[in-house]
Amino acid sequence: MSEGFPIWVIIVDYVLGTVMWTLIGRFGMSLFLPENSSFFFMRFFVRVTNPLLKLFGPITPAFLVPPLIPLYVAWFFFMFRFYAMPWLLGYSVMGMLSFPLESEIAQGVAYLVGLLLR
């Protein structure tokens, strides 16, 4: 899948995808744990994503409850990856399968499932 993309596209998409999924992970963890939890993964998610939440603070609506803010910020990364990346690359078709990070993960999962079902 990644052979058709220039290396800079792969790097940018992987970075943006990792940031997006980390923000989604923080939102998911906040459903079960408080923000000041001593659980390692929650501390990691909070420490890594707090600078982004502060950066997006000026455009974050005040009516959002605090646990939803990471999901709101992740939405911006998703929208950039979904619309801007294909447009910058000159694609006329945009869609979920144009994400190199998720495509690589899906191929890996399909391969593992294929091994298990043999």
PDB file of N, CA and C in Angstrom:
ATOM      1  N   MET A   1       0.815  -1.199   0.000  1.00  0.00           N
ATOM      2  CA  MET A   1       0.000   0.000   0.000  1.00  0.00           C
ATOM      3  C   MET A   1       0.855   1.258   0.000  1.00  0.00           C
ATOM      4  N   SER A   2       1.868   1.306   0.828  1.00  0.00           N
ATOM      5  CA  SER A   2       2.643   2.535   0.971  1.00  0.00           C
ATOM      6  C   SER A   2       3.611   2.757  -0.183  1.00  0.00           C
ATOM      7  N   GLU A   3       3.742   1.802  -1.093  1.00  0.00           N
ATOM      8  CA  GLU A   3       4.670   1.977  -2.213  1.00  0.00           C
ATOM      9  C   GLU A   3       4.219   3.083  -3.158  1.00  0.00           C
ATOM     10  N   GLY A   4       2.918   3.381  -3.206  1.00  0.00           N
ATOM     11  CA  GLY A   4       2.402   4.391  -4.114  1.00  0.00           C
ATOM     12  C   GLY A   4       2.507   5.810  -3.587  1.00  0.00           C
ATOM     13  N   PHE A   5       2.966   5.973  -2.359  1.00  0.00           N
ATOM     14  CA  PHE A   5       3.046   7.295  -1.746  1.00  0.00           C
ATOM     15  C   PHE A   5       4.494   7.724  -1.603  1.00  0.00           C
ATOM     16  N   PRO A   6       4.779   9.017  -1.773  1.00  0.00           N
ATOM     17  CA  PRO A   6       6.125   9.517  -1.453  1.00  0.00           C
ATOM     18  C   PRO A   6       6.384   9.363   0.048  1.00  0.00           C
ATOM     19  N   ILE A   7       7.642   9.242   0.426  1.00  0.00           N
ATOM     20  CA  ILE A   7       7.998   8.995   1.824  1.00  0.00           C
ATOM     21  C   ILE A   7       7.531  10.129   2.737  1.00  0.00           C
ATOM     22  N   TRP A   8       7.541  11.372   2.251  1.00  0.00           N
ATOM     23  CA  TRP A   8       7.103  12.479   3.097  1.00  0.00           C
ATOM     24  C   TRP A   8       5.625  12.359   3.433  1.00  0.00           C
ATOM     25  N   VAL A   9       4.834  11.806   2.517  1.00  0.00           N
ATOM     26  CA  VAL A   9       3.403  11.609   2.780  1.00  0.00           C
ATOM     27  C   VAL A   9       3.212  10.568   3.875  1.00  0.00           C
ATOM     28  N   ILE A  10       3.976   9.491   3.795  1.00  0.00           N
ATOM     29  CA  ILE A  10       3.889   8.435   4.807  1.00  0.00           C
ATOM     30  C   ILE A  10       4.255   9.001   6.177  1.00  0.00           C
ATOM     31  N   ILE A  11       5.333   9.756   6.240  1.00  0.00           N
ATOM     32  CA  ILE A  11       5.785  10.308   7.525  1.00  0.00           C
ATOM     33  C   ILE A  11       4.748  11.277   8.093  1.00  0.00           C
ATOM     34  N   VAL A  12       4.258  12.195   7.265  1.00  0.00           N
ATOM     35  CA  VAL A  12       3.263  13.163   7.738  1.00  0.00           C
ATOM     36  C   VAL A  12       1.993  12.449   8.183  1.00  0.00           C
ATOM     37  N   ASP A  13       1.534  11.477   7.391  1.00  0.00           N
ATOM     38  CA  ASP A  13       0.310  10.767   7.753  1.00  0.00           C
ATOM     39  C   ASP A  13       0.484   9.957   9.031  1.00  0.00           C
ATOM     40  N   TYR A  14       1.623   9.299   9.193  1.00  0.00           N
ATOM     41  CA  TYR A  14       1.859   8.519  10.411  1.00  0.00           C
ATOM     42  C   TYR A  14       1.899   9.422  11.639  1.00  0.00           C
ATOM     43  N   VAL A  15       2.535  10.582  11.522  1.00  0.00           N
ATOM     44  CA  VAL A  15       2.592  11.509  12.661  1.00  0.00           C
ATOM     45  C   VAL A  15       1.192  12.022  12.993  1.00  0.00           C
ATOM     46  N   LEU A  16       0.467  12.494  11.979  1.00  0.00           N
ATOM     47  CA  LEU A  16      -0.885  13.002  12.217  1.00  0.00           C
ATOM     48  C   LEU A  16      -1.815  11.900  12.721  1.00  0.00           C
ATOM     49  N   GLY A  17      -1.674  10.698  12.163  1.00  0.00           N
ATOM     50  CA  GLY A  17      -2.494   9.575  12.609  1.00  0.00           C
ATOM     51  C   GLY A  17      -2.197   9.177  14.041  1.00  0.00           C
ATOM     52  N   THR A  18      -0.928   9.174  14.401  1.00  0.00           N
ATOM     53  CA  THR A  18      -0.551   8.835  15.776  1.00  0.00           C
ATOM     54  C   THR A  18      -1.094   9.866  16.755  1.00  0.00           C
ATOM     55  N   VAL A  19      -1.003  11.133  16.398  1.00  0.00           N
ATOM     56  CA  VAL A  19      -1.549  12.188  17.262  1.00  0.00           C
ATOM     57  C   VAL A  19      -3.065  12.022  17.393  1.00  0.00           C
ATOM     58  N   MET A  20      -3.737  11.786  16.277  1.00  0.00           N
ATOM     59  CA  MET A  20      -5.191  11.628  16.295  1.00  0.00           C
ATOM     60  C   MET A  20      -5.605  10.456  17.178  1.00  0.00           C
ATOM     61  N   TRP A  21      -4.960   9.296  16.994  1.00  0.00           N
ATOM     62  CA  TRP A  21      -5.327   8.112  17.777  1.00  0.00           C
ATOM     63  C   TRP A  21      -4.932   8.259  19.241  1.00  0.00           C
ATOM     64  N   THR A  22      -3.887   9.015  19.541  1.00  0.00           N
ATOM     65  CA  THR A  22      -3.529   9.272  20.939  1.00  0.00           C
ATOM     66  C   THR A  22      -4.599  10.129  21.610  1.00  0.00           C
ATOM     67  N   LEU A  23      -5.100  11.127  20.904  1.00  0.00           N
ATOM     68  CA  LEU A  23      -6.187  11.947  21.449  1.00  0.00           C
ATOM     69  C   LEU A  23      -7.452  11.115  21.657  1.00  0.00           C
ATOM     70  N   ILE A  24      -7.751  10.238  20.719  1.00  0.00           N
ATOM     71  CA  ILE A  24      -8.913   9.357  20.869  1.00  0.00           C
ATOM     72  C   ILE A  24      -8.696   8.405  22.037  1.00  0.00           C
ATOM     73  N   GLY A  25      -7.468   7.931  22.200  1.00  0.00           N
ATOM     74  CA  GLY A  25      -7.149   7.069  23.340  1.00  0.00           C
ATOM     75  C   GLY A  25      -7.337   7.785  24.660  1.00  0.00           C
ATOM     76  N   ARG A  26      -6.936   9.039  24.710  1.00  0.00           N
ATOM     77  CA  ARG A  26      -7.144   9.805  25.949  1.00  0.00           C
ATOM     78  C   ARG A  26      -8.630   9.951  26.239  1.00  0.00           C
ATOM     79  N   PHE A  27      -9.423  10.229  25.219  1.00  0.00           N
ATOM     80  CA  PHE A  27     -10.869  10.322  25.416  1.00  0.00           C
ATOM     81  C   PHE A  27     -11.426   9.000  25.940  1.00  0.00           C
ATOM     82  N   GLY A  28     -11.011   7.891  25.322  1.00  0.00           N
ATOM     83  CA  GLY A  28     -11.490   6.581  25.765  1.00  0.00           C
ATOM     84  C   GLY A  28     -11.093   6.263  27.194  1.00  0.00           C
ATOM     85  N   MET A  29      -9.865   6.576  27.544  1.00  0.00           N
ATOM     86  CA  MET A  29      -9.404   6.319  28.912  1.00  0.00           C
ATOM     87  C   MET A  29     -10.146   7.207  29.906  1.00  0.00           C
ATOM     88  N   SER A  30     -10.484   8.431  29.491  1.00  0.00           N
ATOM     89  CA  SER A  30     -11.165   9.340  30.420  1.00  0.00           C
ATOM     90  C   SER A  30     -12.594   8.900  30.719  1.00  0.00           C
ATOM     91  N   LEU A  31     -13.128   7.983  29.919  1.00  0.00           N
ATOM     92  CA  LEU A  31     -14.449   7.443  30.227  1.00  0.00           C
ATOM     93  C   LEU A  31     -14.409   6.565  31.472  1.00  0.00           C
ATOM     94  N   PHE A  32     -13.242   5.989  31.760  1.00  0.00           N
ATOM     95  CA  PHE A  32     -13.113   5.035  32.858  1.00  0.00           C
ATOM     96  C   PHE A  32     -12.226   5.520  34.000  1.00  0.00           C
ATOM     97  N   LEU A  33     -11.335   6.460  33.714  1.00  0.00           N
ATOM     98  CA  LEU A  33     -10.376   6.919  34.721  1.00  0.00           C
ATOM     99  C   LEU A  33     -10.397   8.439  34.829  1.00  0.00           C
ATOM    100  N   PRO A  34     -10.128   8.970  36.020  1.00  0.00           N
ATOM    101  CA  PRO A  34     -10.009  10.427  36.142  1.00  0.00           C
ATOM    102  C   PRO A  34      -8.709  10.908  35.487  1.00  0.00           C
ATOM    103  N   GLU A  35      -8.668  12.168  35.156  1.00  0.00           N
ATOM    104  CA  GLU A  35      -7.492  12.730  34.479  1.00  0.00           C
ATOM    105  C   GLU A  35      -6.234  12.642  35.336  1.00  0.00           C
ATOM    106  N   ASN A  36      -6.378  12.684  36.638  1.00  0.00           N
ATOM    107  CA  ASN A  36      -5.220  12.621  37.533  1.00  0.00           C
ATOM    108  C   ASN A  36      -4.952  11.200  38.038  1.00  0.00           C
ATOM    109  N   SER A  37      -5.355  10.203  37.276  1.00  0.00           N
ATOM    110  CA  SER A  37      -5.153   8.807  37.652  1.00  0.00           C
ATOM    111  C   SER A  37      -3.659   8.470  37.694  1.00  0.00           C
ATOM    112  N   SER A  38      -3.312   7.502  38.527  1.00  0.00           N
ATOM    113  CA  SER A  38      -1.914   7.072  38.606  1.00  0.00           C
ATOM    114  C   SER A  38      -1.606   5.956  37.612  1.00  0.00           C
ATOM    115  N   PHE A  39      -2.604   5.526  36.838  1.00  0.00           N
ATOM    116  CA  PHE A  39      -2.394   4.484  35.833  1.00  0.00           C
ATOM    117  C   PHE A  39      -1.449   5.009  34.754  1.00  0.00           C
ATOM    118  N   PHE A  40      -0.433   4.202  34.413  1.00  0.00           N
ATOM    119  CA  PHE A  40       0.633   4.643  33.512  1.00  0.00           C
ATOM    120  C   PHE A  40       0.097   5.179  32.189  1.00  0.00           C
ATOM    121  N   PHE A  41      -0.793   4.441  31.533  1.00  0.00           N
ATOM    122  CA  PHE A  41      -1.264   4.855  30.211  1.00  0.00           C
ATOM    123  C   PHE A  41      -2.046   6.167  30.273  1.00  0.00           C
ATOM    124  N   MET A  42      -2.831   6.341  31.314  1.00  0.00           N
ATOM    125  CA  MET A  42      -3.578   7.595  31.437  1.00  0.00           C
ATOM    126  C   MET A  42      -2.625   8.762  31.659  1.00  0.00           C
ATOM    127  N   ARG A  43      -1.615   8.565  32.495  1.00  0.00           N
ATOM    128  CA  ARG A  43      -0.618   9.634  32.697  1.00  0.00           C
ATOM    129  C   ARG A  43       0.079   9.958  31.386  1.00  0.00           C
ATOM    130  N   PHE A  44       0.408   8.924  30.590  1.00  0.00           N
ATOM    131  CA  PHE A  44       1.050   9.131  29.291  1.00  0.00           C
ATOM    132  C   PHE A  44       0.145   9.943  28.367  1.00  0.00           C
ATOM    133  N   PHE A  45      -1.119   9.522  28.238  1.00  0.00           N
ATOM    134  CA  PHE A  45      -2.049  10.230  27.359  1.00  0.00           C
ATOM    135  C   PHE A  45      -2.209  11.692  27.779  1.00  0.00           C
ATOM    136  N   VAL A  46      -2.313  11.938  29.074  1.00  0.00           N
ATOM    137  CA  VAL A  46      -2.484  13.311  29.563  1.00  0.00           C
ATOM    138  C   VAL A  46      -1.229  14.131  29.289  1.00  0.00           C
ATOM    139  N   ARG A  47      -0.067  13.571  29.589  1.00  0.00           N
ATOM    140  CA  ARG A  47       1.186  14.310  29.407  1.00  0.00           C
ATOM    141  C   ARG A  47       1.443  14.622  27.931  1.00  0.00           C
ATOM    142  N   VAL A  48       1.145  13.691  27.054  1.00  0.00           N
ATOM    143  CA  VAL A  48       1.426  13.882  25.628  1.00  0.00           C
ATOM    144  C   VAL A  48       0.410  14.812  24.967  1.00  0.00           C
ATOM    145  N   THR A  49      -0.846  14.735  25.387  1.00  0.00           N
ATOM    146  CA  THR A  49      -1.884  15.499  24.686  1.00  0.00           C
ATOM    147  C   THR A  49      -2.184  16.866  25.287  1.00  0.00           C
ATOM    148  N   ASN A  50      -1.781  17.119  26.517  1.00  0.00           N
ATOM    149  CA  ASN A  50      -2.067  18.428  27.125  1.00  0.00           C
ATOM    150  C   ASN A  50      -1.537  19.607  26.303  1.00  0.00           C
ATOM    151  N   PRO A  51      -0.308  19.549  25.750  1.00  0.00           N
ATOM    152  CA  PRO A  51       0.140  20.683  24.922  1.00  0.00           C
ATOM    153  C   PRO A  51      -0.765  20.937  23.713  1.00  0.00           C
ATOM    154  N   LEU A  52      -1.269  19.871  23.091  1.00  0.00           N
ATOM    155  CA  LEU A  52      -2.180  20.049  21.956  1.00  0.00           C
ATOM    156  C   LEU A  52      -3.505  20.657  22.391  1.00  0.00           C
ATOM    157  N   LEU A  53      -4.009  20.212  23.529  1.00  0.00           N
ATOM    158  CA  LEU A  53      -5.273  20.760  24.019  1.00  0.00           C
ATOM    159  C   LEU A  53      -5.128  22.241  24.339  1.00  0.00           C
ATOM    160  N   LYS A  54      -3.975  22.628  24.869  1.00  0.00           N
ATOM    161  CA  LYS A  54      -3.731  24.050  25.146  1.00  0.00           C
ATOM    162  C   LYS A  54      -3.605  24.844  23.845  1.00  0.00           C
ATOM    163  N   LEU A  55      -2.954  24.251  22.847  1.00  0.00           N
ATOM    164  CA  LEU A  55      -2.802  24.909  21.555  1.00  0.00           C
ATOM    165  C   LEU A  55      -4.159  25.153  20.891  1.00  0.00           C
ATOM    166  N   PHE A  56      -5.056  24.180  20.996  1.00  0.00           N
ATOM    167  CA  PHE A  56      -6.380  24.301  20.392  1.00  0.00           C
ATOM    168  C   PHE A  56      -7.381  24.993  21.313  1.00  0.00           C
ATOM    169  N   GLY A  57      -6.946  25.398  22.506  1.00  0.00           N
ATOM    170  CA  GLY A  57      -7.824  26.060  23.466  1.00  0.00           C
ATOM    171  C   GLY A  57      -8.584  27.255  22.919  1.00  0.00           C
ATOM    172  N   PRO A  58      -7.929  28.147  22.147  1.00  0.00           N
ATOM    173  CA  PRO A  58      -8.654  29.322  21.643  1.00  0.00           C
ATOM    174  C   PRO A  58      -9.807  28.993  20.692  1.00  0.00           C
ATOM    175  N   ILE A  59      -9.773  27.854  20.024  1.00  0.00           N
ATOM    176  CA  ILE A  59     -10.865  27.517  19.104  1.00  0.00           C
ATOM    177  C   ILE A  59     -11.772  26.420  19.656  1.00  0.00           C
ATOM    178  N   THR A  60     -11.582  26.069  20.918  1.00  0.00           N
ATOM    179  CA  THR A  60     -12.431  25.062  21.552  1.00  0.00           C
ATOM    180  C   THR A  60     -13.641  25.751  22.166  1.00  0.00           C
ATOM    181  N   PRO A  61     -14.849  25.313  21.795  1.00  0.00           N
ATOM    182  CA  PRO A  61     -16.046  25.942  22.367  1.00  0.00           C
ATOM    183  C   PRO A  61     -16.112  25.756  23.883  1.00  0.00           C
ATOM    184  N   ALA A  62     -16.569  26.764  24.574  1.00  0.00           N
ATOM    185  CA  ALA A  62     -16.641  26.722  26.039  1.00  0.00           C
ATOM    186  C   ALA A  62     -17.707  25.756  26.538  1.00  0.00           C
ATOM    187  N   PHE A  63     -18.683  25.421  25.693  1.00  0.00           N
ATOM    188  CA  PHE A  63     -19.757  24.541  26.146  1.00  0.00           C
ATOM    189  C   PHE A  63     -19.366  23.064  26.171  1.00  0.00           C
ATOM    190  N   LEU A  64     -18.208  22.720  25.608  1.00  0.00           N
ATOM    191  CA  LEU A  64     -17.771  21.318  25.623  1.00  0.00           C
ATOM    192  C   LEU A  64     -17.366  20.905  27.031  1.00  0.00           C
ATOM    193  N   VAL A  65     -17.835  19.732  27.440  1.00  0.00           N
ATOM    194  CA  VAL A  65     -17.392  19.213  28.735  1.00  0.00           C
ATOM    195  C   VAL A  65     -15.946  18.749  28.580  1.00  0.00           C
ATOM    196  N   PRO A  66     -15.115  18.911  29.603  1.00  0.00           N
ATOM    197  CA  PRO A  66     -13.680  18.617  29.482  1.00  0.00           C
ATOM    198  C   PRO A  66     -13.325  17.231  28.927  1.00  0.00           C
ATOM    199  N   PRO A  67     -14.048  16.152  29.266  1.00  0.00           N
ATOM    200  CA  PRO A  67     -13.658  14.858  28.680  1.00  0.00           C
ATOM    201  C   PRO A  67     -13.825  14.783  27.160  1.00  0.00           C
ATOM    202  N   LEU A  68     -14.666  15.633  26.568  1.00  0.00           N
ATOM    203  CA  LEU A  68     -14.874  15.614  25.115  1.00  0.00           C
ATOM    204  C   LEU A  68     -13.845  16.426  24.338  1.00  0.00           C
ATOM    205  N   ILE A  69     -13.086  17.254  25.012  1.00  0.00           N
ATOM    206  CA  ILE A  69     -12.142  18.138  24.315  1.00  0.00           C
ATOM    207  C   ILE A  69     -11.091  17.353  23.522  1.00  0.00           C
ATOM    208  N   PRO A  70     -10.496  16.264  24.049  1.00  0.00           N
ATOM    209  CA  PRO A  70      -9.549  15.510  23.211  1.00  0.00           C
ATOM    210  C   PRO A  70     -10.186  14.950  21.940  1.00  0.00           C
ATOM    211  N   LEU A  71     -11.436  14.525  22.021  1.00  0.00           N
ATOM    212  CA  LEU A  71     -12.131  14.020  20.840  1.00  0.00           C
ATOM    213  C   LEU A  71     -12.377  15.144  19.835  1.00  0.00           C
ATOM    214  N   TYR A  72     -12.686  16.331  20.325  1.00  0.00           N
ATOM    215  CA  TYR A  72     -12.882  17.503  19.470  1.00  0.00           C
ATOM    216  C   TYR A  72     -11.589  17.851  18.728  1.00  0.00           C
ATOM    217  N   VAL A  73     -10.471  17.837  19.440  1.00  0.00           N
ATOM    218  CA  VAL A  73      -9.182  18.151  18.809  1.00  0.00           C
ATOM    219  C   VAL A  73      -8.792  17.047  17.824  1.00  0.00           C
ATOM    220  N   ALA A  74      -9.067  15.787  18.176  1.00  0.00           N
ATOM    221  CA  ALA A  74      -8.775  14.675  17.262  1.00  0.00           C
ATOM    222  C   ALA A  74      -9.551  14.828  15.960  1.00  0.00           C
ATOM    223  N   TRP A  75     -10.744  15.393  16.046  1.00  0.00           N
ATOM    224  CA  TRP A  75     -11.562  15.609  14.856  1.00  0.00           C
ATOM    225  C   TRP A  75     -10.846  16.516  13.856  1.00  0.00           C
ATOM    226  N   PHE A  76     -10.117  17.532  14.337  1.00  0.00           N
ATOM    227  CA  PHE A  76      -9.363  18.405  13.441  1.00  0.00           C
ATOM    228  C   PHE A  76      -8.272  17.628  12.700  1.00  0.00           C
ATOM    229  N   PHE A  77      -7.588  16.749  13.418  1.00  0.00           N
ATOM    230  CA  PHE A  77      -6.549  15.947  12.773  1.00  0.00           C
ATOM    231  C   PHE A  77      -7.161  14.992  11.754  1.00  0.00           C
ATOM    232  N   PHE A  78      -8.309  14.416  12.095  1.00  0.00           N
ATOM    233  CA  PHE A  78      -8.998  13.547  11.145  1.00  0.00           C
ATOM    234  C   PHE A  78      -9.394  14.323   9.900  1.00  0.00           C
ATOM    235  N   MET A  79      -9.988  15.497  10.085  1.00  0.00           N
ATOM    236  CA  MET A  79     -10.438  16.291   8.941  1.00  0.00           C
ATOM    237  C   MET A  79      -9.266  16.701   8.052  1.00  0.00           C
ATOM    238  N   PHE A  80      -8.145  17.061   8.663  1.00  0.00           N
ATOM    239  CA  PHE A  80      -6.975  17.412   7.863  1.00  0.00           C
ATOM    240  C   PHE A  80      -6.501  16.205   7.059  1.00  0.00           C
ATOM    241  N   ARG A  81      -6.440  15.054   7.714  1.00  0.00           N
ATOM    242  CA  ARG A  81      -5.988  13.850   7.016  1.00  0.00           C
ATOM    243  C   ARG A  81      -6.984  13.429   5.941  1.00  0.00           C
ATOM    244  N   PHE A  82      -8.263  13.591   6.184  1.00  0.00           N
ATOM    245  CA  PHE A  82      -9.290  13.125   5.257  1.00  0.00           C
ATOM    246  C   PHE A  82      -9.433  14.034   4.046  1.00  0.00           C
ATOM    247  N   TYR A  83      -9.330  15.347   4.249  1.00  0.00           N
ATOM    248  CA  TYR A  83      -9.552  16.291   3.151  1.00  0.00           C
ATOM    249  C   TYR A  83      -8.278  16.932   2.613  1.00  0.00           C
ATOM    250  N   ALA A  84      -7.411  17.412   3.480  1.00  0.00           N
ATOM    251  CA  ALA A  84      -6.247  18.166   3.013  1.00  0.00           C
ATOM    252  C   ALA A  84      -5.173  17.273   2.412  1.00  0.00           C
ATOM    253  N   MET A  85      -4.893  16.146   3.042  1.00  0.00           N
ATOM    254  CA  MET A  85      -3.830  15.279   2.513  1.00  0.00           C
ATOM    255  C   MET A  85      -4.144  14.797   1.094  1.00  0.00           C
ATOM    256  N   PRO A  86      -5.333  14.233   0.814  1.00  0.00           N
ATOM    257  CA  PRO A  86      -5.611  13.842  -0.576  1.00  0.00           C
ATOM    258  C   PRO A  86      -5.604  15.031  -1.533  1.00  0.00           C
ATOM    259  N   TRP A  87      -6.094  16.175  -1.087  1.00  0.00           N
ATOM    260  CA  TRP A  87      -6.101  17.356  -1.946  1.00  0.00           C
ATOM    261  C   TRP A  87      -4.682  17.795  -2.266  1.00  0.00           C
ATOM    262  N   LEU A  88      -3.800  17.788  -1.265  1.00  0.00           N
ATOM    263  CA  LEU A  88      -2.405  18.162  -1.491  1.00  0.00           C
ATOM    264  C   LEU A  88      -1.708  17.195  -2.439  1.00  0.00           C
ATOM    265  N   LEU A  89      -2.143  15.936  -2.416  1.00  0.00           N
ATOM    266  CA  LEU A  89      -1.544  14.935  -3.296  1.00  0.00           C
ATOM    267  C   LEU A  89      -2.199  14.895  -4.671  1.00  0.00           C
ATOM    268  N   GLY A  90      -3.274  15.654  -4.854  1.00  0.00           N
ATOM    269  CA  GLY A  90      -3.928  15.701  -6.151  1.00  0.00           C
ATOM    270  C   GLY A  90      -4.921  14.588  -6.390  1.00  0.00           C
ATOM    271  N   TYR A  91      -5.419  13.961  -5.343  1.00  0.00           N
ATOM    272  CA  TYR A  91      -6.395  12.888  -5.522  1.00  0.00           C
ATOM    273  C   TYR A  91      -7.766  13.479  -5.805  1.00  0.00           C
ATOM    274  N   SER A  92      -8.495  12.823  -6.685  1.00  0.00           N
ATOM    275  CA  SER A  92      -9.865  13.252  -6.933  1.00  0.00           C
ATOM    276  C   SER A  92     -10.843  12.476  -6.057  1.00  0.00           C
ATOM    277  N   VAL A  93     -10.398  11.351  -5.514  1.00  0.00           N
ATOM    278  CA  VAL A  93     -11.248  10.530  -4.652  1.00  0.00           C
ATOM    279  C   VAL A  93     -10.672  10.557  -3.249  1.00  0.00           C
ATOM    280  N   MET A  94     -11.519  10.888  -2.301  1.00  0.00           N
ATOM    281  CA  MET A  94     -11.082  10.901  -0.907  1.00  0.00           C
ATOM    282  C   MET A  94     -11.845   9.814  -0.168  1.00  0.00           C
ATOM    283  N   GLY A  95     -11.207   9.229   0.802  1.00  0.00           N
ATOM    284  CA  GLY A  95     -11.899   8.217   1.575  1.00  0.00           C
ATOM    285  C   GLY A  95     -11.020   7.611   2.635  1.00  0.00           C
ATOM    286  N   MET A  96     -11.641   6.760   3.423  1.00  0.00           N
ATOM    287  CA  MET A  96     -10.959   6.145   4.549  1.00  0.00           C
ATOM    288  C   MET A  96      -9.746   5.336   4.097  1.00  0.00           C
ATOM    289  N   LEU A  97      -9.835   4.688   2.949  1.00  0.00           N
ATOM    290  CA  LEU A  97      -8.729   3.841   2.507  1.00  0.00           C
ATOM    291  C   LEU A  97      -7.552   4.642   1.976  1.00  0.00           C
ATOM    292  N   SER A  98      -7.673   5.961   1.926  1.00  0.00           N
ATOM    293  CA  SER A  98      -6.539   6.777   1.494  1.00  0.00           C
ATOM    294  C   SER A  98      -5.597   7.084   2.648  1.00  0.00           C
ATOM    295  N   PHE A  99      -5.891   6.588   3.859  1.00  0.00           N
ATOM    296  CA  PHE A  99      -5.022   6.793   5.013  1.00  0.00           C
ATOM    297  C   PHE A  99      -3.954   5.713   5.039  1.00  0.00           C
ATOM    298  N   PRO A 100      -2.700   6.046   4.775  1.00  0.00           N
ATOM    299  CA  PRO A 100      -1.655   5.017   4.783  1.00  0.00           C
ATOM    300  C   PRO A 100      -1.513   4.302   6.124  1.00  0.00           C
ATOM    301  N   LEU A 101      -1.588   5.017   7.236  1.00  0.00           N
ATOM    302  CA  LEU A 101      -1.421   4.382   8.545  1.00  0.00           C
ATOM    303  C   LEU A 101      -2.479   3.315   8.773  1.00  0.00           C
ATOM    304  N   GLU A 102      -3.738   3.654   8.590  1.00  0.00           N
ATOM    305  CA  GLU A 102      -4.809   2.703   8.822  1.00  0.00           C
ATOM    306  C   GLU A 102      -4.802   1.584   7.785  1.00  0.00           C
ATOM    307  N   SER A 103      -4.394   1.897   6.553  1.00  0.00           N
ATOM    308  CA  SER A 103      -4.307   0.857   5.526  1.00  0.00           C
ATOM    309  C   SER A 103      -3.251  -0.180   5.883  1.00  0.00           C
ATOM    310  N   GLU A 104      -2.111   0.286   6.379  1.00  0.00           N
ATOM    311  CA  GLU A 104      -1.057  -0.649   6.795  1.00  0.00           C
ATOM    312  C   GLU A 104      -1.527  -1.511   7.962  1.00  0.00           C
ATOM    313  N   ILE A 105      -2.213  -0.911   8.917  1.00  0.00           N
ATOM    314  CA  ILE A 105      -2.724  -1.669  10.062  1.00  0.00           C
ATOM    315  C   ILE A 105      -3.758  -2.684   9.593  1.00  0.00           C
ATOM    316  N   ALA A 106      -4.662  -2.278   8.704  1.00  0.00           N
ATOM    317  CA  ALA A 106      -5.686  -3.192   8.195  1.00  0.00           C
ATOM    318  C   ALA A 106      -5.059  -4.362   7.440  1.00  0.00           C
ATOM    319  N   GLN A 107      -4.016  -4.099   6.661  1.00  0.00           N
ATOM    320  CA  GLN A 107      -3.335  -5.184   5.953  1.00  0.00           C
ATOM    321  C   GLN A 107      -2.674  -6.140   6.932  1.00  0.00           C
ATOM    322  N   GLY A 108      -2.073  -5.611   7.983  1.00  0.00           N
ATOM    323  CA  GLY A 108      -1.449  -6.459   8.998  1.00  0.00           C
ATOM    324  C   GLY A 108      -2.462  -7.321   9.720  1.00  0.00           C
ATOM    325  N   VAL A 109      -3.600  -6.735  10.069  1.00  0.00           N
ATOM    326  CA  VAL A 109      -4.657  -7.501  10.738  1.00  0.00           C
ATOM    327  C   VAL A 109      -5.203  -8.573   9.802  1.00  0.00           C
ATOM    328  N   ALA A 110      -5.427  -8.234   8.546  1.00  0.00           N
ATOM    329  CA  ALA A 110      -5.925  -9.218   7.582  1.00  0.00           C
ATOM    330  C   ALA A 110      -4.937 -10.367   7.414  1.00  0.00           C
ATOM    331  N   TYR A 111      -3.661 -10.053   7.402  1.00  0.00           N
ATOM    332  CA  TYR A 111      -2.642 -11.093   7.291  1.00  0.00           C
ATOM    333  C   TYR A 111      -2.671 -12.015   8.505  1.00  0.00           C
ATOM    334  N   LEU A 112      -2.754 -11.431   9.714  1.00  0.00           N
ATOM    335  CA  LEU A 112      -2.797 -12.240  10.935  1.00  0.00           C
ATOM    336  C   LEU A 112      -4.054 -13.100  11.000  1.00  0.00           C
ATOM    337  N   VAL A 113      -5.189 -12.548  10.604  1.00  0.00           N
ATOM    338  CA  VAL A 113      -6.429 -13.332  10.585  1.00  0.00           C
ATOM    339  C   VAL A 113      -6.309 -14.465   9.577  1.00  0.00           C
ATOM    340  N   GLY A 114      -5.690 -14.183   8.437  1.00  0.00           N
ATOM    341  CA  GLY A 114      -5.468 -15.234   7.444  1.00  0.00           C
ATOM    342  C   GLY A 114      -4.608 -16.359   7.986  1.00  0.00           C
ATOM    343  N   LEU A 115      -3.589 -16.016   8.764  1.00  0.00           N
ATOM    344  CA  LEU A 115      -2.747 -17.046   9.380  1.00  0.00           C
ATOM    345  C   LEU A 115      -3.522 -17.873  10.393  1.00  0.00           C
ATOM    346  N   LEU A 116      -4.384 -17.232  11.152  1.00  0.00           N
ATOM    347  CA  LEU A 116      -5.157 -17.935  12.174  1.00  0.00           C
ATOM    348  C   LEU A 116      -6.222 -18.844  11.579  1.00  0.00           C
ATOM    349  N   LEU A 117      -6.754 -18.484  10.437  1.00  0.00           N
ATOM    350  CA  LEU A 117      -7.835 -19.262   9.831  1.00  0.00           C
ATOM    351  C   LEU A 117      -7.351 -20.401   8.945  1.00  0.00           C
ATOM    352  N   ARG A 118      -6.070 -20.511   8.741  1.00  0.00           N
ATOM    353  CA  ARG A 118      -5.545 -21.602   7.906  1.00  0.00           C
ATOM    354  C   ARG A 118      -5.617 -22.906   8.615  1.00  0.00           C
TER     355      ARG A 118
END
